Amino acid sequence: MNKPYSFSMNQMNGIVEDTYTKIINECENLKKNTNCPNEQVVALLSVIASNYATTKEKYEN
């Protein structure tokens, strides 16, 4: 079982907030330059998130 993790307050107010802002800005940039709908951005973010998701298969290999 994985140990629970939480960002520290310094991280939340620093790198986490910066990363969030950059991701939002890049998604808006993508929409502006491609005229894609929000659903396409969500699909892209879902694919990216799947790279970080922990699955049972990863533990079995």
PDB file of N, CA and C in Angstrom:
ATOM      1  N   MET A   1       0.841  -1.188   0.000  1.00  0.00           N
ATOM      2  CA  MET A   1       0.000   0.000   0.000  1.00  0.00           C
ATOM      3  C   MET A   1       0.879   1.243   0.000  1.00  0.00           C
ATOM      4  N   ASN A   2       0.489   2.233  -0.787  1.00  0.00           N
ATOM      5  CA  ASN A   2       1.260   3.470  -0.874  1.00  0.00           C
ATOM      6  C   ASN A   2       1.045   4.349   0.350  1.00  0.00           C
ATOM      7  N   LYS A   3       2.107   4.991   0.776  1.00  0.00           N
ATOM      8  CA  LYS A   3       2.059   5.931   1.888  1.00  0.00           C
ATOM      9  C   LYS A   3       1.395   7.221   1.396  1.00  0.00           C
ATOM     10  N   PRO A   4       0.432   7.784   2.157  1.00  0.00           N
ATOM     11  CA  PRO A   4      -0.207   9.038   1.744  1.00  0.00           C
ATOM     12  C   PRO A   4       0.816  10.165   1.595  1.00  0.00           C
ATOM     13  N   TYR A   5       0.586  11.036   0.652  1.00  0.00           N
ATOM     14  CA  TYR A   5       1.505  12.148   0.412  1.00  0.00           C
ATOM     15  C   TYR A   5       0.713  13.442   0.344  1.00  0.00           C
ATOM     16  N   SER A   6       1.260  14.467   0.908  1.00  0.00           N
ATOM     17  CA  SER A   6       0.685  15.811   0.813  1.00  0.00           C
ATOM     18  C   SER A   6       1.811  16.794   0.543  1.00  0.00           C
ATOM     19  N   PHE A   7       1.528  17.764  -0.297  1.00  0.00           N
ATOM     20  CA  PHE A   7       2.489  18.843  -0.513  1.00  0.00           C
ATOM     21  C   PHE A   7       2.541  19.711   0.732  1.00  0.00           C
ATOM     22  N   SER A   8       3.710  20.261   1.009  1.00  0.00           N
ATOM     23  CA  SER A   8       3.835  21.201   2.126  1.00  0.00           C
ATOM     24  C   SER A   8       3.196  22.524   1.715  1.00  0.00           C
ATOM     25  N   MET A   9       2.948  23.366   2.688  1.00  0.00           N
ATOM     26  CA  MET A   9       2.374  24.686   2.389  1.00  0.00           C
ATOM     27  C   MET A   9       3.309  25.492   1.497  1.00  0.00           C
ATOM     28  N   ASN A  10       4.631  25.391   1.735  1.00  0.00           N
ATOM     29  CA  ASN A  10       5.590  26.103   0.890  1.00  0.00           C
ATOM     30  C   ASN A  10       5.512  25.610  -0.550  1.00  0.00           C
ATOM     31  N   GLN A  11       5.387  24.295  -0.721  1.00  0.00           N
ATOM     32  CA  GLN A  11       5.256  23.743  -2.068  1.00  0.00           C
ATOM     33  C   GLN A  11       3.947  24.181  -2.705  1.00  0.00           C
ATOM     34  N   MET A  12       2.862  24.155  -1.933  1.00  0.00           N
ATOM     35  CA  MET A  12       1.552  24.562  -2.462  1.00  0.00           C
ATOM     36  C   MET A  12       1.574  26.008  -2.935  1.00  0.00           C
ATOM     37  N   ASN A  13       2.273  26.852  -2.209  1.00  0.00           N
ATOM     38  CA  ASN A  13       2.341  28.272  -2.560  1.00  0.00           C
ATOM     39  C   ASN A  13       3.484  28.584  -3.517  1.00  0.00           C
ATOM     40  N   GLY A  14       4.246  27.578  -3.899  1.00  0.00           N
ATOM     41  CA  GLY A  14       5.388  27.767  -4.792  1.00  0.00           C
ATOM     42  C   GLY A  14       5.251  26.935  -6.047  1.00  0.00           C
ATOM     43  N   ILE A  15       5.971  25.822  -6.093  1.00  0.00           N
ATOM     44  CA  ILE A  15       6.050  25.005  -7.291  1.00  0.00           C
ATOM     45  C   ILE A  15       4.695  24.456  -7.735  1.00  0.00           C
ATOM     46  N   VAL A  16       3.826  24.072  -6.799  1.00  0.00           N
ATOM     47  CA  VAL A  16       2.519  23.524  -7.174  1.00  0.00           C
ATOM     48  C   VAL A  16       1.667  24.607  -7.833  1.00  0.00           C
ATOM     49  N   GLU A  17       1.623  25.775  -7.231  1.00  0.00           N
ATOM     50  CA  GLU A  17       0.854  26.878  -7.803  1.00  0.00           C
ATOM     51  C   GLU A  17       1.427  27.296  -9.152  1.00  0.00           C
ATOM     52  N   ASP A  18       2.747  27.350  -9.262  1.00  0.00           N
ATOM     53  CA  ASP A  18       3.395  27.706 -10.532  1.00  0.00           C
ATOM     54  C   ASP A  18       3.064  26.690 -11.628  1.00  0.00           C
ATOM     55  N   THR A  19       3.127  25.416 -11.278  1.00  0.00           N
ATOM     56  CA  THR A  19       2.845  24.360 -12.248  1.00  0.00           C
ATOM     57  C   THR A  19       1.397  24.432 -12.708  1.00  0.00           C
ATOM     58  N   TYR A  20       0.490  24.612 -11.778  1.00  0.00           N
ATOM     59  CA  TYR A  20      -0.931  24.745 -12.105  1.00  0.00           C
ATOM     60  C   TYR A  20      -1.154  25.905 -13.086  1.00  0.00           C
ATOM     61  N   THR A  21      -0.572  27.042 -12.777  1.00  0.00           N
ATOM     62  CA  THR A  21      -0.722  28.228 -13.626  1.00  0.00           C
ATOM     63  C   THR A  21      -0.165  27.975 -15.023  1.00  0.00           C
ATOM     64  N   LYS A  22       0.991  27.338 -15.109  1.00  0.00           N
ATOM     65  CA  LYS A  22       1.597  27.046 -16.408  1.00  0.00           C
ATOM     66  C   LYS A  22       0.736  26.094 -17.229  1.00  0.00           C
ATOM     67  N   ILE A  23       0.176  25.073 -16.583  1.00  0.00           N
ATOM     68  CA  ILE A  23      -0.673  24.120 -17.296  1.00  0.00           C
ATOM     69  C   ILE A  23      -1.920  24.822 -17.825  1.00  0.00           C
ATOM     70  N   ILE A  24      -2.560  25.625 -16.999  1.00  0.00           N
ATOM     71  CA  ILE A  24      -3.753  26.367 -17.420  1.00  0.00           C
ATOM     72  C   ILE A  24      -3.422  27.286 -18.591  1.00  0.00           C
ATOM     73  N   ASN A  25      -2.324  28.024 -18.482  1.00  0.00           N
ATOM     74  CA  ASN A  25      -1.926  28.941 -19.553  1.00  0.00           C
ATOM     75  C   ASN A  25      -1.654  28.200 -20.858  1.00  0.00           C
ATOM     76  N   GLU A  26      -0.988  27.055 -20.777  1.00  0.00           N
ATOM     77  CA  GLU A  26      -0.686  26.283 -21.987  1.00  0.00           C
ATOM     78  C   GLU A  26      -1.952  25.695 -22.599  1.00  0.00           C
ATOM     79  N   CYS A  27      -2.898  25.292 -21.777  1.00  0.00           N
ATOM     80  CA  CYS A  27      -4.174  24.795 -22.308  1.00  0.00           C
ATOM     81  C   CYS A  27      -4.926  25.916 -23.024  1.00  0.00           C
ATOM     82  N   GLU A  28      -4.917  27.096 -22.458  1.00  0.00           N
ATOM     83  CA  GLU A  28      -5.559  28.248 -23.114  1.00  0.00           C
ATOM     84  C   GLU A  28      -4.839  28.593 -24.416  1.00  0.00           C
ATOM     85  N   ASN A  29      -3.522  28.499 -24.410  1.00  0.00           N
ATOM     86  CA  ASN A  29      -2.715  28.730 -25.604  1.00  0.00           C
ATOM     87  C   ASN A  29      -3.078  27.722 -26.696  1.00  0.00           C
ATOM     88  N   LEU A  30      -3.219  26.456 -26.311  1.00  0.00           N
ATOM     89  CA  LEU A  30      -3.599  25.404 -27.247  1.00  0.00           C
ATOM     90  C   LEU A  30      -4.962  25.701 -27.866  1.00  0.00           C
ATOM     91  N   LYS A  31      -5.927  26.069 -27.034  1.00  0.00           N
ATOM     92  CA  LYS A  31      -7.256  26.401 -27.546  1.00  0.00           C
ATOM     93  C   LYS A  31      -7.210  27.591 -28.500  1.00  0.00           C
ATOM     94  N   LYS A  32      -6.446  28.603 -28.137  1.00  0.00           N
ATOM     95  CA  LYS A  32      -6.346  29.821 -28.951  1.00  0.00           C
ATOM     96  C   LYS A  32      -5.720  29.521 -30.315  1.00  0.00           C
ATOM     97  N   ASN A  33      -4.679  28.683 -30.331  1.00  0.00           N
ATOM     98  CA  ASN A  33      -3.945  28.428 -31.567  1.00  0.00           C
ATOM     99  C   ASN A  33      -4.555  27.338 -32.445  1.00  0.00           C
ATOM    100  N   THR A  34      -5.427  26.520 -31.873  1.00  0.00           N
ATOM    101  CA  THR A  34      -6.013  25.433 -32.659  1.00  0.00           C
ATOM    102  C   THR A  34      -7.527  25.536 -32.791  1.00  0.00           C
ATOM    103  N   ASN A  35      -8.134  26.422 -32.013  1.00  0.00           N
ATOM    104  CA  ASN A  35      -9.593  26.541 -31.963  1.00  0.00           C
ATOM    105  C   ASN A  35     -10.271  25.244 -31.538  1.00  0.00           C
ATOM    106  N   CYS A  36      -9.570  24.419 -30.782  1.00  0.00           N
ATOM    107  CA  CYS A  36     -10.156  23.156 -30.323  1.00  0.00           C
ATOM    108  C   CYS A  36     -11.126  23.427 -29.169  1.00  0.00           C
ATOM    109  N   PRO A  37     -12.099  22.535 -28.994  1.00  0.00           N
ATOM    110  CA  PRO A  37     -13.042  22.702 -27.881  1.00  0.00           C
ATOM    111  C   PRO A  37     -12.436  22.235 -26.560  1.00  0.00           C
ATOM    112  N   ASN A  38     -13.081  22.614 -25.471  1.00  0.00           N
ATOM    113  CA  ASN A  38     -12.631  22.202 -24.135  1.00  0.00           C
ATOM    114  C   ASN A  38     -12.512  20.689 -24.029  1.00  0.00           C
ATOM    115  N   GLU A  39     -13.423  19.970 -24.681  1.00  0.00           N
ATOM    116  CA  GLU A  39     -13.412  18.510 -24.604  1.00  0.00           C
ATOM    117  C   GLU A  39     -12.105  17.929 -25.136  1.00  0.00           C
ATOM    118  N   GLN A  40     -11.520  18.561 -26.134  1.00  0.00           N
ATOM    119  CA  GLN A  40     -10.249  18.083 -26.676  1.00  0.00           C
ATOM    120  C   GLN A  40      -9.118  18.328 -25.686  1.00  0.00           C
ATOM    121  N   VAL A  41      -9.169  19.429 -24.992  1.00  0.00           N
ATOM    122  CA  VAL A  41      -8.165  19.720 -23.964  1.00  0.00           C
ATOM    123  C   VAL A  41      -8.295  18.709 -22.827  1.00  0.00           C
ATOM    124  N   VAL A  42      -9.525  18.417 -22.435  1.00  0.00           N
ATOM    125  CA  VAL A  42      -9.754  17.432 -21.376  1.00  0.00           C
ATOM    126  C   VAL A  42      -9.220  16.067 -21.803  1.00  0.00           C
ATOM    127  N   ALA A  43      -9.448  15.685 -23.057  1.00  0.00           N
ATOM    128  CA  ALA A  43      -8.946  14.403 -23.558  1.00  0.00           C
ATOM    129  C   ALA A  43      -7.423  14.368 -23.499  1.00  0.00           C
ATOM    130  N   LEU A  44      -6.778  15.453 -23.897  1.00  0.00           N
ATOM    131  CA  LEU A  44      -5.321  15.527 -23.846  1.00  0.00           C
ATOM    132  C   LEU A  44      -4.815  15.414 -22.409  1.00  0.00           C
ATOM    133  N   LEU A  45      -5.441  16.147 -21.499  1.00  0.00           N
ATOM    134  CA  LEU A  45      -5.037  16.089 -20.093  1.00  0.00           C
ATOM    135  C   LEU A  45      -5.259  14.692 -19.513  1.00  0.00           C
ATOM    136  N   SER A  46      -6.294  14.018 -19.969  1.00  0.00           N
ATOM    137  CA  SER A  46      -6.555  12.657 -19.519  1.00  0.00           C
ATOM    138  C   SER A  46      -5.448  11.702 -19.956  1.00  0.00           C
ATOM    139  N   VAL A  47      -4.989  11.851 -21.187  1.00  0.00           N
ATOM    140  CA  VAL A  47      -3.888  11.022 -21.686  1.00  0.00           C
ATOM    141  C   VAL A  47      -2.627  11.294 -20.873  1.00  0.00           C
ATOM    142  N   ILE A  48      -2.369  12.561 -20.605  1.00  0.00           N
ATOM    143  CA  ILE A  48      -1.197  12.924 -19.808  1.00  0.00           C
ATOM    144  C   ILE A  48      -1.327  12.344 -18.401  1.00  0.00           C
ATOM    145  N   ALA A  49      -2.501  12.482 -17.788  1.00  0.00           N
ATOM    146  CA  ALA A  49      -2.717  11.963 -16.431  1.00  0.00           C
ATOM    147  C   ALA A  49      -2.522  10.456 -16.382  1.00  0.00           C
ATOM    148  N   SER A  50      -2.896   9.765 -17.446  1.00  0.00           N
ATOM    149  CA  SER A  50      -2.761   8.308 -17.446  1.00  0.00           C
ATOM    150  C   SER A  50      -1.299   7.870 -17.353  1.00  0.00           C
ATOM    151  N   ASN A  51      -0.385   8.732 -17.771  1.00  0.00           N
ATOM    152  CA  ASN A  51       1.041   8.422 -17.632  1.00  0.00           C
ATOM    153  C   ASN A  51       1.489   8.395 -16.176  1.00  0.00           C
ATOM    154  N   TYR A  52       0.738   9.033 -15.308  1.00  0.00           N
ATOM    155  CA  TYR A  52       1.092   9.112 -13.898  1.00  0.00           C
ATOM    156  C   TYR A  52       0.208   8.257 -13.012  1.00  0.00           C
ATOM    157  N   ALA A  53      -0.810   7.641 -13.596  1.00  0.00           N
ATOM    158  CA  ALA A  53      -1.732   6.815 -12.833  1.00  0.00           C
ATOM    159  C   ALA A  53      -1.058   5.506 -12.446  1.00  0.00           C
ATOM    160  N   THR A  54      -1.330   5.070 -11.238  1.00  0.00           N
ATOM    161  CA  THR A  54      -0.818   3.796 -10.758  1.00  0.00           C
ATOM    162  C   THR A  54      -1.870   2.736 -11.065  1.00  0.00           C
ATOM    163  N   THR A  55      -1.445   1.685 -11.725  1.00  0.00           N
ATOM    164  CA  THR A  55      -2.385   0.612 -12.037  1.00  0.00           C
ATOM    165  C   THR A  55      -1.897  -0.696 -11.436  1.00  0.00           C
ATOM    166  N   LYS A  56      -2.815  -1.607 -11.250  1.00  0.00           N
ATOM    167  CA  LYS A  56      -2.490  -2.929 -10.718  1.00  0.00           C
ATOM    168  C   LYS A  56      -1.487  -3.629 -11.633  1.00  0.00           C
ATOM    169  N   GLU A  57      -1.639  -3.422 -12.940  1.00  0.00           N
ATOM    170  CA  GLU A  57      -0.734  -4.054 -13.920  1.00  0.00           C
ATOM    171  C   GLU A  57       0.700  -3.651 -13.695  1.00  0.00           C
ATOM    172  N   LYS A  58       0.965  -2.408 -13.341  1.00  0.00           N
ATOM    173  CA  LYS A  58       2.336  -1.959 -13.108  1.00  0.00           C
ATOM    174  C   LYS A  58       2.958  -2.711 -11.941  1.00  0.00           C
ATOM    175  N   TYR A  59       2.160  -3.031 -10.925  1.00  0.00           N
ATOM    176  CA  TYR A  59       2.680  -3.745  -9.763  1.00  0.00           C
ATOM    177  C   TYR A  59       2.944  -5.216 -10.079  1.00  0.00           C
ATOM    178  N   GLU A  60       2.181  -5.767 -11.009  1.00  0.00           N
ATOM    179  CA  GLU A  60       2.320  -7.181 -11.342  1.00  0.00           C
ATOM    180  C   GLU A  60       3.499  -7.452 -12.253  1.00  0.00           C
ATOM    181  N   ASN A  61       3.984  -6.444 -12.956  1.00  0.00           N
ATOM    182  CA  ASN A  61       5.104  -6.634 -13.894  1.00  0.00           C
ATOM    183  C   ASN A  61       6.442  -6.541 -13.228  1.00  0.00           C
TER     184      ASN A  61
END
